Every structure is written in C-alpha cells, then in structure tokens.
Full PDB file with SEQRES, HELIX, SHEET, SSBOND, CRYST1, ORIGX, SCALE, CONECT and MASTER records, all heavy atoms in Angstrom:
SEQRES   1 A   40  ARG GLN ILE GLY ILE PHE ARG LEU LYS ASP ARG THR ILE          
SEQRES   2 A   40  SER PRO GLN ALA GLN ALA PHE HIS ASP LEU CYS ILE GLU          
SEQRES   3 A   40  TYR LEU ASN TYR GLY ASN GLY THR ASP GLY ASP GLU TYR          
SEQRES   4 A   40  PHE                                                          
HELIX    1 AA1 PRO A   15  LEU A   28  1                                  14    
CRYST1    1.000    1.000    1.000  90.00  90.00  90.00 P 1           1          
ORIGX1      1.000000  0.000000  0.000000        0.00000                         
ORIGX2      0.000000  1.000000  0.000000        0.00000                         
ORIGX3      0.000000  0.000000  1.000000        0.00000                         
SCALE1      1.000000  0.000000  0.000000        0.00000                         
SCALE2      0.000000  1.000000  0.000000        0.00000                         
SCALE3      0.000000  0.000000  1.000000        0.00000                         
ATOM      1  N   ARG A   1     111.782  80.431 116.703  1.00  0.00           N  
ATOM      2  CA  ARG A   1     111.596  81.134 115.439  1.00  0.00           C  
ATOM      3  C   ARG A   1     110.403  82.083 115.591  1.00  0.00           C  
ATOM      4  O   ARG A   1     109.398  81.740 116.216  1.00  0.00           O  
ATOM      5  CB  ARG A   1     111.360  80.174 114.274  1.00  0.00           C  
ATOM      6  CG  ARG A   1     110.117  79.327 114.377  1.00  0.00           C  
ATOM      7  CD  ARG A   1     109.818  78.571 113.097  1.00  0.00           C  
ATOM      8  NE  ARG A   1     108.608  77.748 113.234  1.00  0.00           N  
ATOM      9  CZ  ARG A   1     108.008  77.126 112.232  1.00  0.00           C  
ATOM     10  NH1 ARG A   1     108.506  77.210 111.008  1.00  0.00           N  
ATOM     11  NH2 ARG A   1     106.918  76.406 112.443  1.00  0.00           N  
ATOM     12  N   GLN A   2     110.538  83.272 115.047  1.00  0.00           N  
ATOM     13  CA  GLN A   2     109.461  84.249 115.118  1.00  0.00           C  
ATOM     14  C   GLN A   2     108.530  84.053 113.926  1.00  0.00           C  
ATOM     15  O   GLN A   2     108.928  84.223 112.771  1.00  0.00           O  
ATOM     16  CB  GLN A   2     110.024  85.669 115.109  1.00  0.00           C  
ATOM     17  CG  GLN A   2     110.731  86.062 116.392  1.00  0.00           C  
ATOM     18  CD  GLN A   2     109.832  85.972 117.606  1.00  0.00           C  
ATOM     19  OE1 GLN A   2     110.169  85.319 118.582  1.00  0.00           O  
ATOM     20  NE2 GLN A   2     108.682  86.615 117.541  1.00  0.00           N  
ATOM     21  N   ILE A   3     107.308  83.667 114.228  1.00  0.00           N  
ATOM     22  CA  ILE A   3     106.288  83.484 113.197  1.00  0.00           C  
ATOM     23  C   ILE A   3     105.492  84.779 113.067  1.00  0.00           C  
ATOM     24  O   ILE A   3     105.082  85.378 114.056  1.00  0.00           O  
ATOM     25  CB  ILE A   3     105.338  82.329 113.554  1.00  0.00           C  
ATOM     26  CG1 ILE A   3     106.101  80.996 113.568  1.00  0.00           C  
ATOM     27  CG2 ILE A   3     104.172  82.256 112.580  1.00  0.00           C  
ATOM     28  CD1 ILE A   3     106.635  80.572 112.231  1.00  0.00           C  
ATOM     29  N   GLY A   4     105.281  85.203 111.838  1.00  0.00           N  
ATOM     30  CA  GLY A   4     104.523  86.433 111.628  1.00  0.00           C  
ATOM     31  C   GLY A   4     103.901  86.479 110.249  1.00  0.00           C  
ATOM     32  O   GLY A   4     103.970  85.525 109.475  1.00  0.00           O  
ATOM     33  N   ILE A   5     103.306  87.625 109.949  1.00  0.00           N  
ATOM     34  CA  ILE A   5     102.643  87.831 108.667  1.00  0.00           C  
ATOM     35  C   ILE A   5     103.397  88.887 107.877  1.00  0.00           C  
ATOM     36  O   ILE A   5     103.839  89.900 108.422  1.00  0.00           O  
ATOM     37  CB  ILE A   5     101.155  88.209 108.862  1.00  0.00           C  
ATOM     38  CG1 ILE A   5     100.428  88.232 107.520  1.00  0.00           C  
ATOM     39  CG2 ILE A   5     100.995  89.511 109.632  1.00  0.00           C  
ATOM     40  CD1 ILE A   5      98.914  88.243 107.657  1.00  0.00           C  
ATOM     41  N   PHE A   6     103.564  88.627 106.576  1.00  0.00           N  
ATOM     42  CA  PHE A   6     104.325  89.499 105.687  1.00  0.00           C  
ATOM     43  C   PHE A   6     103.402  90.183 104.677  1.00  0.00           C  
ATOM     44  O   PHE A   6     102.412  89.596 104.229  1.00  0.00           O  
ATOM     45  CB  PHE A   6     105.343  88.703 104.854  1.00  0.00           C  
ATOM     46  CG  PHE A   6     106.262  87.811 105.634  1.00  0.00           C  
ATOM     47  CD1 PHE A   6     105.844  86.575 106.087  1.00  0.00           C  
ATOM     48  CD2 PHE A   6     107.564  88.194 105.880  1.00  0.00           C  
ATOM     49  CE1 PHE A   6     106.700  85.735 106.782  1.00  0.00           C  
ATOM     50  CE2 PHE A   6     108.434  87.366 106.570  1.00  0.00           C  
ATOM     51  CZ  PHE A   6     108.002  86.136 107.022  1.00  0.00           C  
ATOM     52  N   ARG A   7     103.754  91.384 104.295  1.00  0.00           N  
ATOM     53  CA  ARG A   7     103.119  92.073 103.173  1.00  0.00           C  
ATOM     54  C   ARG A   7     104.165  92.981 102.544  1.00  0.00           C  
ATOM     55  O   ARG A   7     105.139  93.362 103.192  1.00  0.00           O  
ATOM     56  CB  ARG A   7     101.909  92.898 103.630  1.00  0.00           C  
ATOM     57  CG  ARG A   7     102.218  93.923 104.688  1.00  0.00           C  
ATOM     58  CD  ARG A   7     100.982  94.618 105.197  1.00  0.00           C  
ATOM     59  NE  ARG A   7     100.412  95.499 104.192  1.00  0.00           N  
ATOM     60  CZ  ARG A   7      99.303  96.206 104.388  1.00  0.00           C  
ATOM     61  NH1 ARG A   7      98.659  96.127 105.542  1.00  0.00           N  
ATOM     62  NH2 ARG A   7      98.835  96.989 103.448  1.00  0.00           N  
ATOM     63  N   LEU A   8     103.988  93.288 101.264  1.00  0.00           N  
ATOM     64  CA  LEU A   8     104.944  94.152 100.588  1.00  0.00           C  
ATOM     65  C   LEU A   8     104.769  95.589 101.058  1.00  0.00           C  
ATOM     66  O   LEU A   8     103.651  96.090 101.190  1.00  0.00           O  
ATOM     67  CB  LEU A   8     104.753  94.075  99.069  1.00  0.00           C  
ATOM     68  CG  LEU A   8     105.071  92.725  98.422  1.00  0.00           C  
ATOM     69  CD1 LEU A   8     104.781  92.766  96.931  1.00  0.00           C  
ATOM     70  CD2 LEU A   8     106.528  92.335  98.661  1.00  0.00           C  
ATOM     71  N   LYS A   9     105.885  96.275 101.271  1.00  0.00           N  
ATOM     72  CA  LYS A   9     105.836  97.645 101.775  1.00  0.00           C  
ATOM     73  C   LYS A   9     105.307  98.632 100.746  1.00  0.00           C  
ATOM     74  O   LYS A   9     104.632  99.594 101.086  1.00  0.00           O  
ATOM     75  CB  LYS A   9     107.232  98.085 102.224  1.00  0.00           C  
ATOM     76  CG  LYS A   9     107.693  97.470 103.530  1.00  0.00           C  
ATOM     77  CD  LYS A   9     109.045  98.025 103.947  1.00  0.00           C  
ATOM     78  CE  LYS A   9     109.471  97.487 105.302  1.00  0.00           C  
ATOM     79  NZ  LYS A   9     110.792  98.012 105.724  1.00  0.00           N  
ATOM     80  N   ASP A  10     105.626  98.398  99.475  1.00  0.00           N  
ATOM     81  CA  ASP A  10     105.317  99.402  98.452  1.00  0.00           C  
ATOM     82  C   ASP A  10     104.050  99.080  97.668  1.00  0.00           C  
ATOM     83  O   ASP A  10     103.826  99.639  96.591  1.00  0.00           O  
ATOM     84  CB  ASP A  10     106.493  99.528  97.473  1.00  0.00           C  
ATOM     85  CG  ASP A  10     106.791  98.219  96.744  1.00  0.00           C  
ATOM     86  OD1 ASP A  10     106.197  97.191  97.110  1.00  0.00           O  
ATOM     87  OD2 ASP A  10     107.616  98.241  95.819  1.00  0.00           O  
ATOM     88  N   ARG A  11     103.213  98.175  98.175  1.00  0.00           N  
ATOM     89  CA  ARG A  11     102.008  97.790  97.441  1.00  0.00           C  
ATOM     90  C   ARG A  11     100.788  97.836  98.359  1.00  0.00           C  
ATOM     91  O   ARG A  11     100.807  97.306  99.466  1.00  0.00           O  
ATOM     92  CB  ARG A  11     102.159  96.391  96.852  1.00  0.00           C  
ATOM     93  CG  ARG A  11     100.998  95.978  95.951  1.00  0.00           C  
ATOM     94  CD  ARG A  11     101.274  94.648  95.294  1.00  0.00           C  
ATOM     95  NE  ARG A  11     102.513  94.690  94.513  1.00  0.00           N  
ATOM     96  CZ  ARG A  11     103.047  93.619  93.930  1.00  0.00           C  
ATOM     97  NH1 ARG A  11     102.458  92.442  94.038  1.00  0.00           N  
ATOM     98  NH2 ARG A  11     104.168  93.727  93.241  1.00  0.00           N  
ATOM     99  N   THR A  12      99.726  98.482  97.878  1.00  0.00           N  
ATOM    100  CA  THR A  12      98.468  98.520  98.618  1.00  0.00           C  
ATOM    101  C   THR A  12      97.727  97.215  98.390  1.00  0.00           C  
ATOM    102  O   THR A  12      97.482  96.833  97.248  1.00  0.00           O  
ATOM    103  CB  THR A  12      97.591  99.696  98.157  1.00  0.00           C  
ATOM    104  OG1 THR A  12      98.303 100.924  98.346  1.00  0.00           O  
ATOM    105  CG2 THR A  12      96.288  99.737  98.949  1.00  0.00           C  
ATOM    106  N   ILE A  13      97.392  96.530  99.461  1.00  0.00           N  
ATOM    107  CA  ILE A  13      96.665  95.274  99.313  1.00  0.00           C  
ATOM    108  C   ILE A  13      95.167  95.545  99.245  1.00  0.00           C  
ATOM    109  O   ILE A  13      94.692  96.614  99.623  1.00  0.00           O  
ATOM    110  CB  ILE A  13      96.986  94.296 100.463  1.00  0.00           C  
ATOM    111  CG1 ILE A  13      96.604  94.901 101.826  1.00  0.00           C  
ATOM    112  CG2 ILE A  13      98.450  93.910 100.444  1.00  0.00           C  
ATOM    113  CD1 ILE A  13      96.824  93.947 102.992  1.00  0.00           C  
ATOM    114  N   SER A  14      94.428  94.575  98.744  1.00  0.00           N  
ATOM    115  CA  SER A  14      92.981  94.718  98.585  1.00  0.00           C  
ATOM    116  C   SER A  14      92.304  94.791  99.949  1.00  0.00           C  
ATOM    117  O   SER A  14      92.868  94.363 100.964  1.00  0.00           O  
ATOM    118  CB  SER A  14      92.420  93.536  97.802  1.00  0.00           C  
ATOM    119  OG  SER A  14      92.518  92.348  98.580  1.00  0.00           O  
ATOM    120  N   PRO A  15      91.085  95.326  99.999  1.00  0.00           N  
ATOM    121  CA  PRO A  15      90.347  95.330 101.273  1.00  0.00           C  
ATOM    122  C   PRO A  15      90.165  93.928 101.853  1.00  0.00           C  
ATOM    123  O   PRO A  15      90.189  93.747 103.069  1.00  0.00           O  
ATOM    124  CB  PRO A  15      89.001  95.953 100.895  1.00  0.00           C  
ATOM    125  CG  PRO A  15      89.282  96.774  99.681  1.00  0.00           C  
ATOM    126  CD  PRO A  15      90.340  96.025  98.933  1.00  0.00           C  
ATOM    127  N   GLN A  16      90.005  92.938 100.962  1.00  0.00           N  
ATOM    128  CA  GLN A  16      89.840  91.569 101.430  1.00  0.00           C  
ATOM    129  C   GLN A  16      91.122  91.068 102.111  1.00  0.00           C  
ATOM    130  O   GLN A  16      91.074  90.434 103.171  1.00  0.00           O  
ATOM    131  CB  GLN A  16      89.503  90.639 100.258  1.00  0.00           C  
ATOM    132  CG  GLN A  16      88.236  91.010  99.515  1.00  0.00           C  
ATOM    133  CD  GLN A  16      88.473  92.060  98.436  1.00  0.00           C  
ATOM    134  OE1 GLN A  16      89.560  92.605  98.305  1.00  0.00           O  
ATOM    135  NE2 GLN A  16      87.438  92.343  97.658  1.00  0.00           N  
ATOM    136  N   ALA A  17      92.256  91.336 101.469  1.00  0.00           N  
ATOM    137  CA  ALA A  17      93.532  90.915 102.043  1.00  0.00           C  
ATOM    138  C   ALA A  17      93.820  91.668 103.342  1.00  0.00           C  
ATOM    139  O   ALA A  17      94.359  91.106 104.295  1.00  0.00           O  
ATOM    140  CB  ALA A  17      94.660  91.148 101.028  1.00  0.00           C  
ATOM    141  N   GLN A  18      93.457  92.943 103.376  1.00  0.00           N  
ATOM    142  CA  GLN A  18      93.649  93.729 104.596  1.00  0.00           C  
ATOM    143  C   GLN A  18      92.822  93.151 105.739  1.00  0.00           C  
ATOM    144  O   GLN A  18      93.281  93.082 106.885  1.00  0.00           O  
ATOM    145  CB  GLN A  18      93.246  95.187 104.351  1.00  0.00           C  
ATOM    146  CG  GLN A  18      93.494  96.106 105.547  1.00  0.00           C  
ATOM    147  CD  GLN A  18      94.964  96.248 105.872  1.00  0.00           C  
ATOM    148  OE1 GLN A  18      95.767  96.635 105.027  1.00  0.00           O  
ATOM    149  NE2 GLN A  18      95.346  95.928 107.106  1.00  0.00           N  
ATOM    150  N   ALA A  19      91.599  92.716 105.421  1.00  0.00           N  
ATOM    151  CA  ALA A  19      90.740  92.120 106.448  1.00  0.00           C  
ATOM    152  C   ALA A  19      91.364  90.840 106.989  1.00  0.00           C  
ATOM    153  O   ALA A  19      91.350  90.589 108.202  1.00  0.00           O  
ATOM    154  CB  ALA A  19      89.352  91.839 105.872  1.00  0.00           C  
ATOM    155  N   PHE A  20      91.931  90.001 106.089  1.00  0.00           N  
ATOM    156  CA  PHE A  20      92.565  88.761 106.534  1.00  0.00           C  
ATOM    157  C   PHE A  20      93.808  89.082 107.364  1.00  0.00           C  
ATOM    158  O   PHE A  20      94.069  88.441 108.392  1.00  0.00           O  
ATOM    159  CB  PHE A  20      92.936  87.892 105.333  1.00  0.00           C  
ATOM    160  CG  PHE A  20      93.255  86.473 105.691  1.00  0.00           C  
ATOM    161  CD1 PHE A  20      92.261  85.506 105.658  1.00  0.00           C  
ATOM    162  CD2 PHE A  20      94.528  86.105 106.084  1.00  0.00           C  
ATOM    163  CE1 PHE A  20      92.547  84.184 106.010  1.00  0.00           C  
ATOM    164  CE2 PHE A  20      94.820  84.793 106.431  1.00  0.00           C  
ATOM    165  CZ  PHE A  20      93.830  83.836 106.400  1.00  0.00           C  
ATOM    166  N   HIS A  21      94.580  90.060 106.927  1.00  0.00           N  
ATOM    167  CA  HIS A  21      95.774  90.506 107.645  1.00  0.00           C  
ATOM    168  C   HIS A  21      95.404  90.920 109.069  1.00  0.00           C  
ATOM    169  O   HIS A  21      96.042  90.512 110.050  1.00  0.00           O  
ATOM    170  CB  HIS A  21      96.403  91.669 106.879  1.00  0.00           C  
ATOM    171  CG  HIS A  21      97.620  92.261 107.533  1.00  0.00           C  
ATOM    172  ND1 HIS A  21      97.518  93.217 108.529  1.00  0.00           N  
ATOM    173  CD2 HIS A  21      98.951  92.044 107.339  1.00  0.00           C  
ATOM    174  CE1 HIS A  21      98.743  93.569 108.920  1.00  0.00           C  
ATOM    175  NE2 HIS A  21      99.615  92.866 108.219  1.00  0.00           N  
ATOM    176  N   ASP A  22      94.362  91.723 109.194  1.00  0.00           N  
ATOM    177  CA  ASP A  22      93.945  92.224 110.508  1.00  0.00           C  
ATOM    178  C   ASP A  22      93.436  91.097 111.404  1.00  0.00           C  
ATOM    179  O   ASP A  22      93.671  91.108 112.621  1.00  0.00           O  
ATOM    180  CB  ASP A  22      92.873  93.297 110.345  1.00  0.00           C  
ATOM    181  CG  ASP A  22      93.406  94.542 109.647  1.00  0.00           C  
ATOM    182  OD1 ASP A  22      94.641  94.690 109.564  1.00  0.00           O  
ATOM    183  OD2 ASP A  22      92.587  95.359 109.179  1.00  0.00           O  
ATOM    184  N   LEU A  23      92.743  90.127 110.808  1.00  0.00           N  
ATOM    185  CA  LEU A  23      92.252  88.994 111.594  1.00  0.00           C  
ATOM    186  C   LEU A  23      93.407  88.131 112.100  1.00  0.00           C  
ATOM    187  O   LEU A  23      93.345  87.595 113.211  1.00  0.00           O  
ATOM    188  CB  LEU A  23      91.288  88.145 110.768  1.00  0.00           C  
ATOM    189  CG  LEU A  23      89.848  88.630 110.678  1.00  0.00           C  
ATOM    190  CD1 LEU A  23      89.042  87.741 109.741  1.00  0.00           C  
ATOM    191  CD2 LEU A  23      89.190  88.670 112.057  1.00  0.00           C  
ATOM    192  N   CYS A  24      94.456  87.986 111.295  1.00  0.00           N  
ATOM    193  CA  CYS A  24      95.630  87.229 111.734  1.00  0.00           C  
ATOM    194  C   CYS A  24      96.236  87.872 112.979  1.00  0.00           C  
ATOM    195  O   CYS A  24      96.599  87.181 113.939  1.00  0.00           O  
ATOM    196  CB  CYS A  24      96.678  87.168 110.618  1.00  0.00           C  
ATOM    197  SG  CYS A  24      96.313  85.988 109.308  1.00  0.00           S  
ATOM    198  N   ILE A  25      96.337  89.177 112.956  1.00  0.00           N  
ATOM    199  CA  ILE A  25      96.895  89.887 114.106  1.00  0.00           C  
ATOM    200  C   ILE A  25      95.968  89.759 115.314  1.00  0.00           C  
ATOM    201  O   ILE A  25      96.410  89.547 116.441  1.00  0.00           O  
ATOM    202  CB  ILE A  25      97.130  91.366 113.751  1.00  0.00           C  
ATOM    203  CG1 ILE A  25      98.207  91.474 112.665  1.00  0.00           C  
ATOM    204  CG2 ILE A  25      97.512  92.170 114.981  1.00  0.00           C  
ATOM    205  CD1 ILE A  25      98.445  92.873 112.166  1.00  0.00           C  
ATOM    206  N   GLU A  26      94.665  89.840 115.060  1.00  0.00           N  
ATOM    207  CA  GLU A  26      93.696  89.745 116.152  1.00  0.00           C  
ATOM    208  C   GLU A  26      93.696  88.356 116.794  1.00  0.00           C  
ATOM    209  O   GLU A  26      93.656  88.225 118.021  1.00  0.00           O  
ATOM    210  CB  GLU A  26      92.299  90.060 115.634  1.00  0.00           C  
ATOM    211  CG  GLU A  26      91.197  89.923 116.684  1.00  0.00           C  
ATOM    212  CD  GLU A  26      89.811  90.168 116.123  1.00  0.00           C  
ATOM    213  OE1 GLU A  26      89.706  90.660 114.965  1.00  0.00           O  
ATOM    214  OE2 GLU A  26      88.832  89.858 116.818  1.00  0.00           O  
ATOM    215  N   TYR A  27      93.777  87.301 115.960  1.00  0.00           N  
ATOM    216  CA  TYR A  27      93.640  85.940 116.471  1.00  0.00           C  
ATOM    217  C   TYR A  27      94.968  85.301 116.873  1.00  0.00           C  
ATOM    218  O   TYR A  27      94.988  84.391 117.702  1.00  0.00           O  
ATOM    219  CB  TYR A  27      92.967  85.045 115.426  1.00  0.00           C  
ATOM    220  CG  TYR A  27      91.459  85.141 115.439  1.00  0.00           C  
ATOM    221  CD1 TYR A  27      90.814  86.252 114.920  1.00  0.00           C  
ATOM    222  CD2 TYR A  27      90.673  84.135 115.978  1.00  0.00           C  
ATOM    223  CE1 TYR A  27      89.433  86.360 114.928  1.00  0.00           C  
ATOM    224  CE2 TYR A  27      89.290  84.219 116.003  1.00  0.00           C  
ATOM    225  CZ  TYR A  27      88.681  85.343 115.471  1.00  0.00           C  
ATOM    226  OH  TYR A  27      87.309  85.456 115.489  1.00  0.00           O  
ATOM    227  N   LEU A  28      96.069  85.740 116.272  1.00  0.00           N  
ATOM    228  CA  LEU A  28      97.336  85.022 116.459  1.00  0.00           C  
ATOM    229  C   LEU A  28      98.399  85.811 117.189  1.00  0.00           C  
ATOM    230  O   LEU A  28      99.453  85.258 117.502  1.00  0.00           O  
ATOM    231  CB  LEU A  28      97.900  84.583 115.099  1.00  0.00           C  
ATOM    232  CG  LEU A  28      96.959  83.777 114.204  1.00  0.00           C  
ATOM    233  CD1 LEU A  28      97.649  83.441 112.896  1.00  0.00           C  
ATOM    234  CD2 LEU A  28      96.489  82.513 114.916  1.00  0.00           C  
ATOM    235  N   ASN A  29      98.174  87.088 117.436  1.00  0.00           N  
ATOM    236  CA  ASN A  29      99.204  87.905 118.063  1.00  0.00           C  
ATOM    237  C   ASN A  29      99.193  87.686 119.572  1.00  0.00           C  
ATOM    238  O   ASN A  29      98.557  88.420 120.315  1.00  0.00           O  
ATOM    239  CB  ASN A  29      98.986  89.391 117.747  1.00  0.00           C  
ATOM    240  CG  ASN A  29     100.186  90.233 118.168  1.00  0.00           C  
ATOM    241  OD1 ASN A  29     101.139  89.727 118.740  1.00  0.00           O  
ATOM    242  ND2 ASN A  29     100.124  91.508 117.862  1.00  0.00           N  
ATOM    243  N   TYR A  30      99.912  86.654 120.006  1.00  0.00           N  
ATOM    244  CA  TYR A  30      99.971  86.328 121.429  1.00  0.00           C  
ATOM    245  C   TYR A  30     101.026  87.203 122.100  1.00  0.00           C  
ATOM    246  O   TYR A  30     102.191  86.857 122.208  1.00  0.00           O  
ATOM    247  CB  TYR A  30     100.315  84.846 121.634  1.00  0.00           C  
ATOM    248  CG  TYR A  30      99.226  83.939 121.155  1.00  0.00           C  
ATOM    249  CD1 TYR A  30      99.212  83.461 119.849  1.00  0.00           C  
ATOM    250  CD2 TYR A  30      98.187  83.586 122.004  1.00  0.00           C  
ATOM    251  CE1 TYR A  30      98.189  82.630 119.410  1.00  0.00           C  
ATOM    252  CE2 TYR A  30      97.163  82.749 121.568  1.00  0.00           C  
ATOM    253  CZ  TYR A  30      97.183  82.280 120.281  1.00  0.00           C  
ATOM    254  OH  TYR A  30      96.173  81.462 119.845  1.00  0.00           O  
ATOM    255  N   GLY A  31     100.590  88.374 122.531  1.00  0.00           N  
ATOM    256  CA  GLY A  31     101.516  89.261 123.239  1.00  0.00           C  
ATOM    257  C   GLY A  31     102.590  89.820 122.344  1.00  0.00           C  
ATOM    258  O   GLY A  31     103.736  89.937 122.745  1.00  0.00           O  
ATOM    259  N   ASN A  32     102.223  90.145 121.075  1.00  0.00           N  
ATOM    260  CA  ASN A  32     103.166  90.748 120.135  1.00  0.00           C  
ATOM    261  C   ASN A  32     104.378  89.867 119.901  1.00  0.00           C  
ATOM    262  O   ASN A  32     105.532  90.292 120.019  1.00  0.00           O  
ATOM    263  CB  ASN A  32     103.603  92.137 120.623  1.00  0.00           C  
ATOM    264  CG  ASN A  32     104.326  92.910 119.530  1.00  0.00           C  
ATOM    265  OD1 ASN A  32     104.104  92.664 118.352  1.00  0.00           O  
ATOM    266  ND2 ASN A  32     105.182  93.815 119.934  1.00  0.00           N  
ATOM    267  N   GLY A  33     104.111  88.596 119.583  1.00  0.00           N  
ATOM    268  CA  GLY A  33     105.210  87.703 119.216  1.00  0.00           C  
ATOM    269  C   GLY A  33     105.902  87.077 120.403  1.00  0.00           C  
ATOM    270  O   GLY A  33     107.060  86.696 120.310  1.00  0.00           O  
ATOM    271  N   THR A  34     105.237  86.949 121.545  1.00  0.00           N  
ATOM    272  CA  THR A  34     105.840  86.295 122.689  1.00  0.00           C  
ATOM    273  C   THR A  34     105.693  84.790 122.541  1.00  0.00           C  
ATOM    274  O   THR A  34     105.348  84.274 121.493  1.00  0.00           O  
ATOM    275  CB  THR A  34     105.196  86.787 124.001  1.00  0.00           C  
ATOM    276  OG1 THR A  34     103.795  86.561 123.926  1.00  0.00           O  
ATOM    277  CG2 THR A  34     105.451  88.266 124.184  1.00  0.00           C  
ATOM    278  N   ASP A  35     105.910  84.079 123.629  1.00  0.00           N  
ATOM    279  CA  ASP A  35     105.990  82.625 123.537  1.00  0.00           C  
ATOM    280  C   ASP A  35     104.704  81.942 123.116  1.00  0.00           C  
ATOM    281  O   ASP A  35     104.719  80.793 122.733  1.00  0.00           O  
ATOM    282  CB  ASP A  35     106.427  82.037 124.890  1.00  0.00           C  
ATOM    283  CG  ASP A  35     107.879  82.358 125.171  1.00  0.00           C  
ATOM    284  OD1 ASP A  35     108.586  82.724 124.222  1.00  0.00           O  
ATOM    285  OD2 ASP A  35     108.291  82.245 126.331  1.00  0.00           O  
ATOM    286  N   GLY A  36     103.586  82.612 123.230  1.00  0.00           N  
ATOM    287  CA  GLY A  36     102.339  81.996 122.790  1.00  0.00           C  
ATOM    288  C   GLY A  36     101.891  80.867 123.680  1.00  0.00           C  
ATOM    289  O   GLY A  36     101.366  79.860 123.220  1.00  0.00           O  
ATOM    290  N   ASP A  37     102.083  81.014 124.991  1.00  0.00           N  
ATOM    291  CA  ASP A  37     101.709  79.944 125.913  1.00  0.00           C  
ATOM    292  C   ASP A  37     100.230  79.612 125.816  1.00  0.00           C  
ATOM    293  O   ASP A  37      99.819  78.465 125.960  1.00  0.00           O  
ATOM    294  CB  ASP A  37     102.047  80.341 127.356  1.00  0.00           C  
ATOM    295  CG  ASP A  37     103.543  80.421 127.574  1.00  0.00           C  
ATOM    296  OD1 ASP A  37     104.274  79.729 126.833  1.00  0.00           O  
ATOM    297  OD2 ASP A  37     103.987  81.156 128.478  1.00  0.00           O  
ATOM    298  N   GLU A  38      99.415  80.632 125.551  1.00  0.00           N  
ATOM    299  CA  GLU A  38      97.967  80.396 125.420  1.00  0.00           C  
ATOM    300  C   GLU A  38      97.681  79.428 124.291  1.00  0.00           C  
ATOM    301  O   GLU A  38      96.844  78.541 124.410  1.00  0.00           O  
ATOM    302  CB  GLU A  38      97.248  81.720 125.177  1.00  0.00           C  
ATOM    303  CG  GLU A  38      95.744  81.578 124.995  1.00  0.00           C  
ATOM    304  CD  GLU A  38      95.072  82.890 124.706  1.00  0.00           C  
ATOM    305  OE1 GLU A  38      95.692  83.937 124.896  1.00  0.00           O  
ATOM    306  OE2 GLU A  38      93.902  82.866 124.236  1.00  0.00           O  
ATOM    307  N   TYR A  39      98.420  79.590 123.185  1.00  0.00           N  
ATOM    308  CA  TYR A  39      98.194  78.673 122.057  1.00  0.00           C  
ATOM    309  C   TYR A  39      98.776  77.299 122.353  1.00  0.00           C  
ATOM    310  O   TYR A  39      98.113  76.276 122.195  1.00  0.00           O  
ATOM    311  CB  TYR A  39      98.809  79.230 120.779  1.00  0.00           C  
ATOM    312  CG  TYR A  39      98.734  78.221 119.671  1.00  0.00           C  
ATOM    313  CD1 TYR A  39      97.522  77.989 119.005  1.00  0.00           C  
ATOM    314  CD2 TYR A  39      99.823  77.432 119.326  1.00  0.00           C  
ATOM    315  CE1 TYR A  39      97.420  77.021 118.030  1.00  0.00           C  
ATOM    316  CE2 TYR A  39      99.724  76.473 118.347  1.00  0.00           C  
ATOM    317  CZ  TYR A  39      98.529  76.280 117.698  1.00  0.00           C  
ATOM    318  OH  TYR A  39      98.427  75.317 116.745  1.00  0.00           O  
ATOM    319  N   PHE A  40     100.034  77.245 122.810  1.00  0.00           N  
ATOM    320  CA  PHE A  40     100.696  75.952 122.982  1.00  0.00           C  
ATOM    321  C   PHE A  40     100.071  75.117 124.087  1.00  0.00           C  
ATOM    322  O   PHE A  40     100.212  73.900 124.120  1.00  0.00           O  
ATOM    323  CB  PHE A  40     102.190  76.153 123.241  1.00  0.00           C  
ATOM    324  CG  PHE A  40     102.939  76.581 122.026  1.00  0.00           C  
ATOM    325  CD1 PHE A  40     103.587  77.799 121.971  1.00  0.00           C  
ATOM    326  CD2 PHE A  40     102.982  75.784 120.897  1.00  0.00           C  
ATOM    327  CE1 PHE A  40     104.271  78.206 120.852  1.00  0.00           C  
ATOM    328  CE2 PHE A  40     103.661  76.177 119.754  1.00  0.00           C  
ATOM    329  CZ  PHE A  40     104.313  77.391 119.741  1.00  0.00           C  
TER     330      PHE A  40                                                      
MASTER        0    0    0    1    0    0    0    6  329    1    0    4          
END                                                                             
C-alpha cells in the first residue's frame, strides 16, 4: 500500500500546516514512496 500525505487541491493551507506537510516529506519520503527499507 502506498502511504502518503493528502491535502485539498483547491484550498490554501496555513503556514503551520505547510510546515508540517514539508516535514513529513523531509522525514518520511523514503525514495519518493519506495519500499522504505531504511525505515523497516
């Protein structure tokens, strides 16, 4: 299953939410949705 982060396309999120969104990508994006061997 592909795990990822969702946001609405037509809505601007707050700076706080954007910061959390960016951190999720920074900390959890193991090769752009690959197997995540580093995590597992």
